[in-house]
Structures are given as C-alpha cells and as structure tokens.
Amino acid sequence: MDLDCFTSLSDADPTTVLPWPQQVIREFLLPADSGPFWDAVLGKTVALTLAREPHHCGGLLASGVLFQDAADVLFRELLRTEPP
C-alpha cells in the first residue's frame, strides 16, 4: 500500500501535497459494511507492505505522520494489533 494514496494535491498550489487527516483515512479504509470485503482480502493476504515514499507524501516529517495515522487505522482498528 503506497501512503501517497492518502494524500491530495493542494488546490492553491498543485505542487504541494496535503496528507489526509486520520479520520479521512479511516473513512476510506473502513467504510460502513466493509467487514465482508476485508474478511475476504485478509483471508488471502500473506504480507502487507506500506511504502512511505516521503517525496510523494509531503516530505520526510509529513510522511512519518501519515505513516503513523495510516498504521494506526490499519493495524489497531482493522487487524487489532500494534503497529510496527
């Protein structure tokens, strides 16, 4: 999973990357009634990778925060385990 999927380009400056807030990431990954989808996907999953790609996520610090927010949703809420 590439973290830049949780970003948008700024309307004011299309060269500026805006990381999504954690609530938006949560709504994207865990929409209502998504349980059956995730059960099917995770039942076949052998590995999960998160590509940080700081250049595409607003820089090193912004990508670190974005990683933490996405990892919290993915690991704590979806997988019910501690993030890496």
PDB file of N, CA and C in Angstrom:
ATOM      1  N   MET A   1       0.849  -1.147   0.000  1.00  0.00           N
ATOM      2  CA  MET A   1       0.000   0.000   0.000  1.00  0.00           C
ATOM      3  C   MET A   1       0.905   1.223   0.000  1.00  0.00           C
ATOM      4  N   ASP A   2       0.724   2.080  -0.944  1.00  0.00           N
ATOM      5  CA  ASP A   2       1.506   3.316  -1.023  1.00  0.00           C
ATOM      6  C   ASP A   2       0.814   4.402  -0.204  1.00  0.00           C
ATOM      7  N   LEU A   3       1.561   5.040   0.668  1.00  0.00           N
ATOM      8  CA  LEU A   3       0.976   6.078   1.511  1.00  0.00           C
ATOM      9  C   LEU A   3       0.498   7.277   0.722  1.00  0.00           C
ATOM     10  N   ASP A   4       1.063   7.489  -0.471  1.00  0.00           N
ATOM     11  CA  ASP A   4       0.616   8.655  -1.236  1.00  0.00           C
ATOM     12  C   ASP A   4      -0.832   8.510  -1.701  1.00  0.00           C
ATOM     13  N   CYS A   5      -1.423   7.338  -1.539  1.00  0.00           N
ATOM     14  CA  CYS A   5      -2.847   7.204  -1.856  1.00  0.00           C
ATOM     15  C   CYS A   5      -3.681   7.952  -0.823  1.00  0.00           C
ATOM     16  N   PHE A   6      -3.073   8.318   0.330  1.00  0.00           N
ATOM     17  CA  PHE A   6      -3.765   9.068   1.370  1.00  0.00           C
ATOM     18  C   PHE A   6      -3.351  10.534   1.364  1.00  0.00           C
ATOM     19  N   THR A   7      -3.145  11.059   0.168  1.00  0.00           N
ATOM     20  CA  THR A   7      -2.797  12.473   0.004  1.00  0.00           C
ATOM     21  C   THR A   7      -3.614  13.065  -1.132  1.00  0.00           C
ATOM     22  N   SER A   8      -3.676  14.380  -1.145  1.00  0.00           N
ATOM     23  CA  SER A   8      -4.309  15.118  -2.240  1.00  0.00           C
ATOM     24  C   SER A   8      -3.391  16.277  -2.593  1.00  0.00           C
ATOM     25  N   LEU A   9      -3.498  16.741  -3.816  1.00  0.00           N
ATOM     26  CA  LEU A   9      -2.748  17.936  -4.201  1.00  0.00           C
ATOM     27  C   LEU A   9      -3.524  19.170  -3.769  1.00  0.00           C
ATOM     28  N   SER A  10      -2.807  20.178  -3.345  1.00  0.00           N
ATOM     29  CA  SER A  10      -3.416  21.431  -2.918  1.00  0.00           C
ATOM     30  C   SER A  10      -4.064  22.142  -4.100  1.00  0.00           C
ATOM     31  N   ASP A  11      -5.264  22.675  -3.887  1.00  0.00           N
ATOM     32  CA  ASP A  11      -5.922  23.475  -4.931  1.00  0.00           C
ATOM     33  C   ASP A  11      -5.157  24.774  -5.169  1.00  0.00           C
ATOM     34  N   ALA A  12      -4.570  25.319  -4.108  1.00  0.00           N
ATOM     35  CA  ALA A  12      -3.843  26.585  -4.216  1.00  0.00           C
ATOM     36  C   ALA A  12      -2.508  26.416  -4.914  1.00  0.00           C
ATOM     37  N   ASP A  13      -1.875  25.268  -4.707  1.00  0.00           N
ATOM     38  CA  ASP A  13      -0.562  25.014  -5.297  1.00  0.00           C
ATOM     39  C   ASP A  13      -0.456  23.529  -5.634  1.00  0.00           C
ATOM     40  N   PRO A  14      -0.666  23.155  -6.888  1.00  0.00           N
ATOM     41  CA  PRO A  14      -0.680  21.745  -7.261  1.00  0.00           C
ATOM     42  C   PRO A  14       0.654  21.013  -7.081  1.00  0.00           C
ATOM     43  N   THR A  15       1.697  21.724  -6.661  1.00  0.00           N
ATOM     44  CA  THR A  15       2.955  21.041  -6.353  1.00  0.00           C
ATOM     45  C   THR A  15       3.061  20.712  -4.859  1.00  0.00           C
ATOM     46  N   THR A  16       2.059  21.129  -4.097  1.00  0.00           N
ATOM     47  CA  THR A  16       2.035  20.872  -2.657  1.00  0.00           C
ATOM     48  C   THR A  16       1.140  19.674  -2.363  1.00  0.00           C
ATOM     49  N   VAL A  17       1.692  18.720  -1.615  1.00  0.00           N
ATOM     50  CA  VAL A  17       0.966  17.513  -1.249  1.00  0.00           C
ATOM     51  C   VAL A  17       0.356  17.703   0.134  1.00  0.00           C
ATOM     52  N   LEU A  18      -0.930  17.389   0.262  1.00  0.00           N
ATOM     53  CA  LEU A  18      -1.621  17.511   1.543  1.00  0.00           C
ATOM     54  C   LEU A  18      -1.981  16.125   2.061  1.00  0.00           C
ATOM     55  N   PRO A  19      -1.370  15.695   3.154  1.00  0.00           N
ATOM     56  CA  PRO A  19      -1.729  14.402   3.745  1.00  0.00           C
ATOM     57  C   PRO A  19      -3.154  14.452   4.299  1.00  0.00           C
ATOM     58  N   TRP A  20      -3.860  13.347   4.176  1.00  0.00           N
ATOM     59  CA  TRP A  20      -5.218  13.275   4.713  1.00  0.00           C
ATOM     60  C   TRP A  20      -5.178  13.167   6.236  1.00  0.00           C
ATOM     61  N   PRO A  21      -6.173  13.739   6.909  1.00  0.00           N
ATOM     62  CA  PRO A  21      -6.281  13.527   8.354  1.00  0.00           C
ATOM     63  C   PRO A  21      -6.656  12.063   8.638  1.00  0.00           C
ATOM     64  N   GLN A  22      -6.348  11.605   9.832  1.00  0.00           N
ATOM     65  CA  GLN A  22      -6.602  10.203  10.169  1.00  0.00           C
ATOM     66  C   GLN A  22      -8.075   9.825   9.991  1.00  0.00           C
ATOM     67  N   GLN A  23      -8.993  10.710  10.304  1.00  0.00           N
ATOM     68  CA  GLN A  23     -10.420  10.397  10.159  1.00  0.00           C
ATOM     69  C   GLN A  23     -10.781  10.117   8.699  1.00  0.00           C
ATOM     70  N   VAL A  24     -10.184  10.840   7.769  1.00  0.00           N
ATOM     71  CA  VAL A  24     -10.451  10.614   6.340  1.00  0.00           C
ATOM     72  C   VAL A  24      -9.845   9.276   5.905  1.00  0.00           C
ATOM     73  N   ILE A  25      -8.661   8.966   6.409  1.00  0.00           N
ATOM     74  CA  ILE A  25      -8.045   7.663   6.120  1.00  0.00           C
ATOM     75  C   ILE A  25      -8.953   6.549   6.632  1.00  0.00           C
ATOM     76  N   ARG A  26      -9.470   6.710   7.840  1.00  0.00           N
ATOM     77  CA  ARG A  26     -10.369   5.725   8.432  1.00  0.00           C
ATOM     78  C   ARG A  26     -11.624   5.537   7.563  1.00  0.00           C
ATOM     79  N   GLU A  27     -12.226   6.636   7.135  1.00  0.00           N
ATOM     80  CA  GLU A  27     -13.435   6.553   6.304  1.00  0.00           C
ATOM     81  C   GLU A  27     -13.145   5.880   4.960  1.00  0.00           C
ATOM     82  N   PHE A  28     -11.936   6.098   4.438  1.00  0.00           N
ATOM     83  CA  PHE A  28     -11.538   5.499   3.161  1.00  0.00           C
ATOM     84  C   PHE A  28     -11.299   3.998   3.304  1.00  0.00           C
ATOM     85  N   LEU A  29     -10.586   3.604   4.359  1.00  0.00           N
ATOM     86  CA  LEU A  29     -10.228   2.195   4.543  1.00  0.00           C
ATOM     87  C   LEU A  29     -11.335   1.362   5.178  1.00  0.00           C
ATOM     88  N   LEU A  30     -12.120   1.984   6.035  1.00  0.00           N
ATOM     89  CA  LEU A  30     -13.118   1.231   6.786  1.00  0.00           C
ATOM     90  C   LEU A  30     -14.520   1.818   6.632  1.00  0.00           C
ATOM     91  N   PRO A  31     -15.018   1.902   5.399  1.00  0.00           N
ATOM     92  CA  PRO A  31     -16.379   2.419   5.240  1.00  0.00           C
ATOM     93  C   PRO A  31     -17.389   1.464   5.883  1.00  0.00           C
ATOM     94  N   ALA A  32     -18.569   1.950   6.116  1.00  0.00           N
ATOM     95  CA  ALA A  32     -19.625   1.117   6.704  1.00  0.00           C
ATOM     96  C   ALA A  32     -19.800  -0.162   5.888  1.00  0.00           C
ATOM     97  N   ASP A  33     -19.996  -1.244   6.583  1.00  0.00           N
ATOM     98  CA  ASP A  33     -20.244  -2.552   5.951  1.00  0.00           C
ATOM     99  C   ASP A  33     -19.068  -3.073   5.132  1.00  0.00           C
ATOM    100  N   SER A  34     -17.845  -2.642   5.438  1.00  0.00           N
ATOM    101  CA  SER A  34     -16.679  -3.129   4.690  1.00  0.00           C
ATOM    102  C   SER A  34     -16.112  -4.425   5.284  1.00  0.00           C
ATOM    103  N   GLY A  35     -16.693  -4.897   6.374  1.00  0.00           N
ATOM    104  CA  GLY A  35     -16.204  -6.109   7.023  1.00  0.00           C
ATOM    105  C   GLY A  35     -16.074  -7.313   6.099  1.00  0.00           C
ATOM    106  N   PRO A  36     -17.116  -7.652   5.314  1.00  0.00           N
ATOM    107  CA  PRO A  36     -17.002  -8.803   4.412  1.00  0.00           C
ATOM    108  C   PRO A  36     -15.879  -8.642   3.377  1.00  0.00           C
ATOM    109  N   PHE A  37     -15.693  -7.435   2.886  1.00  0.00           N
ATOM    110  CA  PHE A  37     -14.603  -7.178   1.941  1.00  0.00           C
ATOM    111  C   PHE A  37     -13.259  -7.480   2.603  1.00  0.00           C
ATOM    112  N   TRP A  38     -13.039  -6.896   3.785  1.00  0.00           N
ATOM    113  CA  TRP A  38     -11.767  -7.087   4.473  1.00  0.00           C
ATOM    114  C   TRP A  38     -11.570  -8.537   4.890  1.00  0.00           C
ATOM    115  N   ASP A  39     -12.640  -9.226   5.292  1.00  0.00           N
ATOM    116  CA  ASP A  39     -12.519 -10.650   5.636  1.00  0.00           C
ATOM    117  C   ASP A  39     -12.007 -11.442   4.439  1.00  0.00           C
ATOM    118  N   ALA A  40     -12.552 -11.160   3.252  1.00  0.00           N
ATOM    119  CA  ALA A  40     -12.126 -11.869   2.039  1.00  0.00           C
ATOM    120  C   ALA A  40     -10.683 -11.529   1.675  1.00  0.00           C
ATOM    121  N   VAL A  41     -10.335 -10.253   1.727  1.00  0.00           N
ATOM    122  CA  VAL A  41      -8.975  -9.830   1.379  1.00  0.00           C
ATOM    123  C   VAL A  41      -7.958 -10.384   2.374  1.00  0.00           C
ATOM    124  N   LEU A  42      -8.214 -10.190   3.651  1.00  0.00           N
ATOM    125  CA  LEU A  42      -7.250 -10.613   4.666  1.00  0.00           C
ATOM    126  C   LEU A  42      -7.138 -12.128   4.764  1.00  0.00           C
ATOM    127  N   GLY A  43      -8.184 -12.833   4.372  1.00  0.00           N
ATOM    128  CA  GLY A  43      -8.127 -14.291   4.359  1.00  0.00           C
ATOM    129  C   GLY A  43      -7.133 -14.832   3.346  1.00  0.00           C
ATOM    130  N   LYS A  44      -6.803 -14.018   2.356  1.00  0.00           N
ATOM    131  CA  LYS A  44      -5.859 -14.431   1.312  1.00  0.00           C
ATOM    132  C   LYS A  44      -4.522 -13.694   1.403  1.00  0.00           C
ATOM    133  N   THR A  45      -4.389 -12.815   2.370  1.00  0.00           N
ATOM    134  CA  THR A  45      -3.186 -11.980   2.491  1.00  0.00           C
ATOM    135  C   THR A  45      -2.072 -12.734   3.203  1.00  0.00           C
ATOM    136  N   VAL A  46      -0.885 -12.698   2.591  1.00  0.00           N
ATOM    137  CA  VAL A  46       0.286 -13.315   3.213  1.00  0.00           C
ATOM    138  C   VAL A  46       1.251 -12.249   3.732  1.00  0.00           C
ATOM    139  N   ALA A  47       1.225 -11.077   3.128  1.00  0.00           N
ATOM    140  CA  ALA A  47       2.121  -9.999   3.545  1.00  0.00           C
ATOM    141  C   ALA A  47       1.440  -8.660   3.262  1.00  0.00           C
ATOM    142  N   LEU A  48       1.837  -7.688   4.036  1.00  0.00           N
ATOM    143  CA  LEU A  48       1.310  -6.344   3.860  1.00  0.00           C
ATOM    144  C   LEU A  48       2.492  -5.387   3.943  1.00  0.00           C
ATOM    145  N   THR A  49       2.647  -4.553   2.943  1.00  0.00           N
ATOM    146  CA  THR A  49       3.725  -3.565   2.960  1.00  0.00           C
ATOM    147  C   THR A  49       3.135  -2.162   2.868  1.00  0.00           C
ATOM    148  N   LEU A  50       3.782  -1.240   3.528  1.00  0.00           N
ATOM    149  CA  LEU A  50       3.427   0.173   3.449  1.00  0.00           C
ATOM    150  C   LEU A  50       4.628   0.914   2.892  1.00  0.00           C
ATOM    151  N   ALA A  51       4.484   1.503   1.730  1.00  0.00           N
ATOM    152  CA  ALA A  51       5.563   2.270   1.103  1.00  0.00           C
ATOM    153  C   ALA A  51       5.448   3.721   1.562  1.00  0.00           C
ATOM    154  N   ARG A  52       6.466   4.204   2.258  1.00  0.00           N
ATOM    155  CA  ARG A  52       6.412   5.557   2.820  1.00  0.00           C
ATOM    156  C   ARG A  52       6.556   6.634   1.758  1.00  0.00           C
ATOM    157  N   GLU A  53       7.488   6.496   0.852  1.00  0.00           N
ATOM    158  CA  GLU A  53       7.703   7.442  -0.251  1.00  0.00           C
ATOM    159  C   GLU A  53       7.608   8.914   0.178  1.00  0.00           C
ATOM    160  N   PRO A  54       8.534   9.376   1.019  1.00  0.00           N
ATOM    161  CA  PRO A  54       8.448  10.746   1.538  1.00  0.00           C
ATOM    162  C   PRO A  54       8.314  11.817   0.458  1.00  0.00           C
ATOM    163  N   HIS A  55       8.977  11.620  -0.671  1.00  0.00           N
ATOM    164  CA  HIS A  55       8.914  12.624  -1.737  1.00  0.00           C
ATOM    165  C   HIS A  55       7.483  12.813  -2.247  1.00  0.00           C
ATOM    166  N   HIS A  56       6.688  11.754  -2.218  1.00  0.00           N
ATOM    167  CA  HIS A  56       5.315  11.809  -2.732  1.00  0.00           C
ATOM    168  C   HIS A  56       4.287  12.089  -1.641  1.00  0.00           C
ATOM    169  N   CYS A  57       4.744  12.211  -0.392  1.00  0.00           N
ATOM    170  CA  CYS A  57       3.824  12.377   0.740  1.00  0.00           C
ATOM    171  C   CYS A  57       4.007  13.699   1.473  1.00  0.00           C
ATOM    172  N   GLY A  58       4.707  14.636   0.887  1.00  0.00           N
ATOM    173  CA  GLY A  58       4.868  15.942   1.515  1.00  0.00           C
ATOM    174  C   GLY A  58       6.152  16.122   2.293  1.00  0.00           C
ATOM    175  N   GLY A  59       7.098  15.200   2.145  1.00  0.00           N
ATOM    176  CA  GLY A  59       8.376  15.316   2.831  1.00  0.00           C
ATOM    177  C   GLY A  59       8.537  14.264   3.921  1.00  0.00           C
ATOM    178  N   LEU A  60       9.721  14.237   4.495  1.00  0.00           N
ATOM    179  CA  LEU A  60      10.072  13.212   5.473  1.00  0.00           C
ATOM    180  C   LEU A  60       9.194  13.271   6.723  1.00  0.00           C
ATOM    181  N   LEU A  61       9.029  14.459   7.293  1.00  0.00           N
ATOM    182  CA  LEU A  61       8.220  14.583   8.509  1.00  0.00           C
ATOM    183  C   LEU A  61       6.749  14.296   8.231  1.00  0.00           C
ATOM    184  N   ALA A  62       6.220  14.849   7.161  1.00  0.00           N
ATOM    185  CA  ALA A  62       4.817  14.626   6.816  1.00  0.00           C
ATOM    186  C   ALA A  62       4.551  13.154   6.530  1.00  0.00           C
ATOM    187  N   SER A  63       5.483  12.470   5.874  1.00  0.00           N
ATOM    188  CA  SER A  63       5.276  11.054   5.579  1.00  0.00           C
ATOM    189  C   SER A  63       5.340  10.221   6.852  1.00  0.00           C
ATOM    190  N   GLY A  64       6.126  10.654   7.839  1.00  0.00           N
ATOM    191  CA  GLY A  64       6.167   9.955   9.118  1.00  0.00           C
ATOM    192  C   GLY A  64       4.844  10.040   9.857  1.00  0.00           C
ATOM    193  N   VAL A  65       4.244  11.227   9.856  1.00  0.00           N
ATOM    194  CA  VAL A  65       2.939  11.412  10.497  1.00  0.00           C
ATOM    195  C   VAL A  65       1.875  10.620   9.735  1.00  0.00           C
ATOM    196  N   LEU A  66       1.927  10.681   8.418  1.00  0.00           N
ATOM    197  CA  LEU A  66       0.968   9.949   7.589  1.00  0.00           C
ATOM    198  C   LEU A  66       1.095   8.448   7.818  1.00  0.00           C
ATOM    199  N   PHE A  67       2.328   7.956   7.919  1.00  0.00           N
ATOM    200  CA  PHE A  67       2.545   6.539   8.198  1.00  0.00           C
ATOM    201  C   PHE A  67       1.915   6.155   9.530  1.00  0.00           C
ATOM    202  N   GLN A  68       2.134   6.966  10.549  1.00  0.00           N
ATOM    203  CA  GLN A  68       1.581   6.676  11.879  1.00  0.00           C
ATOM    204  C   GLN A  68       0.052   6.651  11.832  1.00  0.00           C
ATOM    205  N   ASP A  69      -0.549   7.635  11.170  1.00  0.00           N
ATOM    206  CA  ASP A  69      -2.013   7.686  11.081  1.00  0.00           C
ATOM    207  C   ASP A  69      -2.576   6.484  10.332  1.00  0.00           C
ATOM    208  N   ALA A  70      -1.980   6.154   9.190  1.00  0.00           N
ATOM    209  CA  ALA A  70      -2.459   5.013   8.403  1.00  0.00           C
ATOM    210  C   ALA A  70      -2.213   3.703   9.146  1.00  0.00           C
ATOM    211  N   ALA A  71      -1.049   3.572   9.781  1.00  0.00           N
ATOM    212  CA  ALA A  71      -0.730   2.349  10.523  1.00  0.00           C
ATOM    213  C   ALA A  71      -1.676   2.166  11.700  1.00  0.00           C
ATOM    214  N   ASP A  72      -2.038   3.249  12.372  1.00  0.00           N
ATOM    215  CA  ASP A  72      -2.991   3.143  13.476  1.00  0.00           C
ATOM    216  C   ASP A  72      -4.325   2.579  12.996  1.00  0.00           C
ATOM    217  N   VAL A  73      -4.820   3.075  11.871  1.00  0.00           N
ATOM    218  CA  VAL A  73      -6.092   2.586  11.339  1.00  0.00           C
ATOM    219  C   VAL A  73      -5.942   1.139  10.880  1.00  0.00           C
ATOM    220  N   LEU A  74      -4.921   0.870  10.084  1.00  0.00           N
ATOM    221  CA  LEU A  74      -4.735  -0.484   9.553  1.00  0.00           C
ATOM    222  C   LEU A  74      -4.487  -1.521  10.639  1.00  0.00           C
ATOM    223  N   PHE A  75      -3.542  -1.246  11.516  1.00  0.00           N
ATOM    224  CA  PHE A  75      -3.143  -2.256  12.486  1.00  0.00           C
ATOM    225  C   PHE A  75      -4.048  -2.278  13.717  1.00  0.00           C
ATOM    226  N   ARG A  76      -4.251  -1.135  14.333  1.00  0.00           N
ATOM    227  CA  ARG A  76      -5.054  -1.127  15.560  1.00  0.00           C
ATOM    228  C   ARG A  76      -6.527  -1.407  15.289  1.00  0.00           C
ATOM    229  N   GLU A  77      -7.097  -0.741  14.280  1.00  0.00           N
ATOM    230  CA  GLU A  77      -8.534  -0.850  14.060  1.00  0.00           C
ATOM    231  C   GLU A  77      -8.930  -2.036  13.175  1.00  0.00           C
ATOM    232  N   LEU A  78      -8.177  -2.278  12.115  1.00  0.00           N
ATOM    233  CA  LEU A  78      -8.535  -3.367  11.201  1.00  0.00           C
ATOM    234  C   LEU A  78      -7.983  -4.705  11.667  1.00  0.00           C
ATOM    235  N   LEU A  79      -6.687  -4.740  11.967  1.00  0.00           N
ATOM    236  CA  LEU A  79      -6.034  -6.008  12.317  1.00  0.00           C
ATOM    237  C   LEU A  79      -6.032  -6.282  13.827  1.00  0.00           C
ATOM    238  N   ARG A  80      -6.412  -5.261  14.617  1.00  0.00           N
ATOM    239  CA  ARG A  80      -6.464  -5.371  16.070  1.00  0.00           C
ATOM    240  C   ARG A  80      -5.131  -5.835  16.682  1.00  0.00           C
ATOM    241  N   THR A  81      -4.071  -5.167  16.254  1.00  0.00           N
ATOM    242  CA  THR A  81      -2.730  -5.440  16.774  1.00  0.00           C
ATOM    243  C   THR A  81      -1.961  -4.132  16.820  1.00  0.00           C
ATOM    244  N   GLU A  82      -0.799  -4.152  17.410  1.00  0.00           N
ATOM    245  CA  GLU A  82       0.023  -2.948  17.490  1.00  0.00           C
ATOM    246  C   GLU A  82       0.715  -2.669  16.161  1.00  0.00           C
ATOM    247  N   PRO A  83       0.803  -1.400  15.771  1.00  0.00           N
ATOM    248  CA  PRO A  83       1.523  -1.052  14.536  1.00  0.00           C
ATOM    249  C   PRO A  83       3.013  -1.356  14.680  1.00  0.00           C
ATOM    250  N   PRO A  84       3.677  -1.501  13.532  1.00  0.00           N
ATOM    251  CA  PRO A  84       5.129  -1.779  13.559  1.00  0.00           C
ATOM    252  C   PRO A  84       5.904  -0.595  14.101  1.00  0.00           C
TER     253      PRO A  84
END
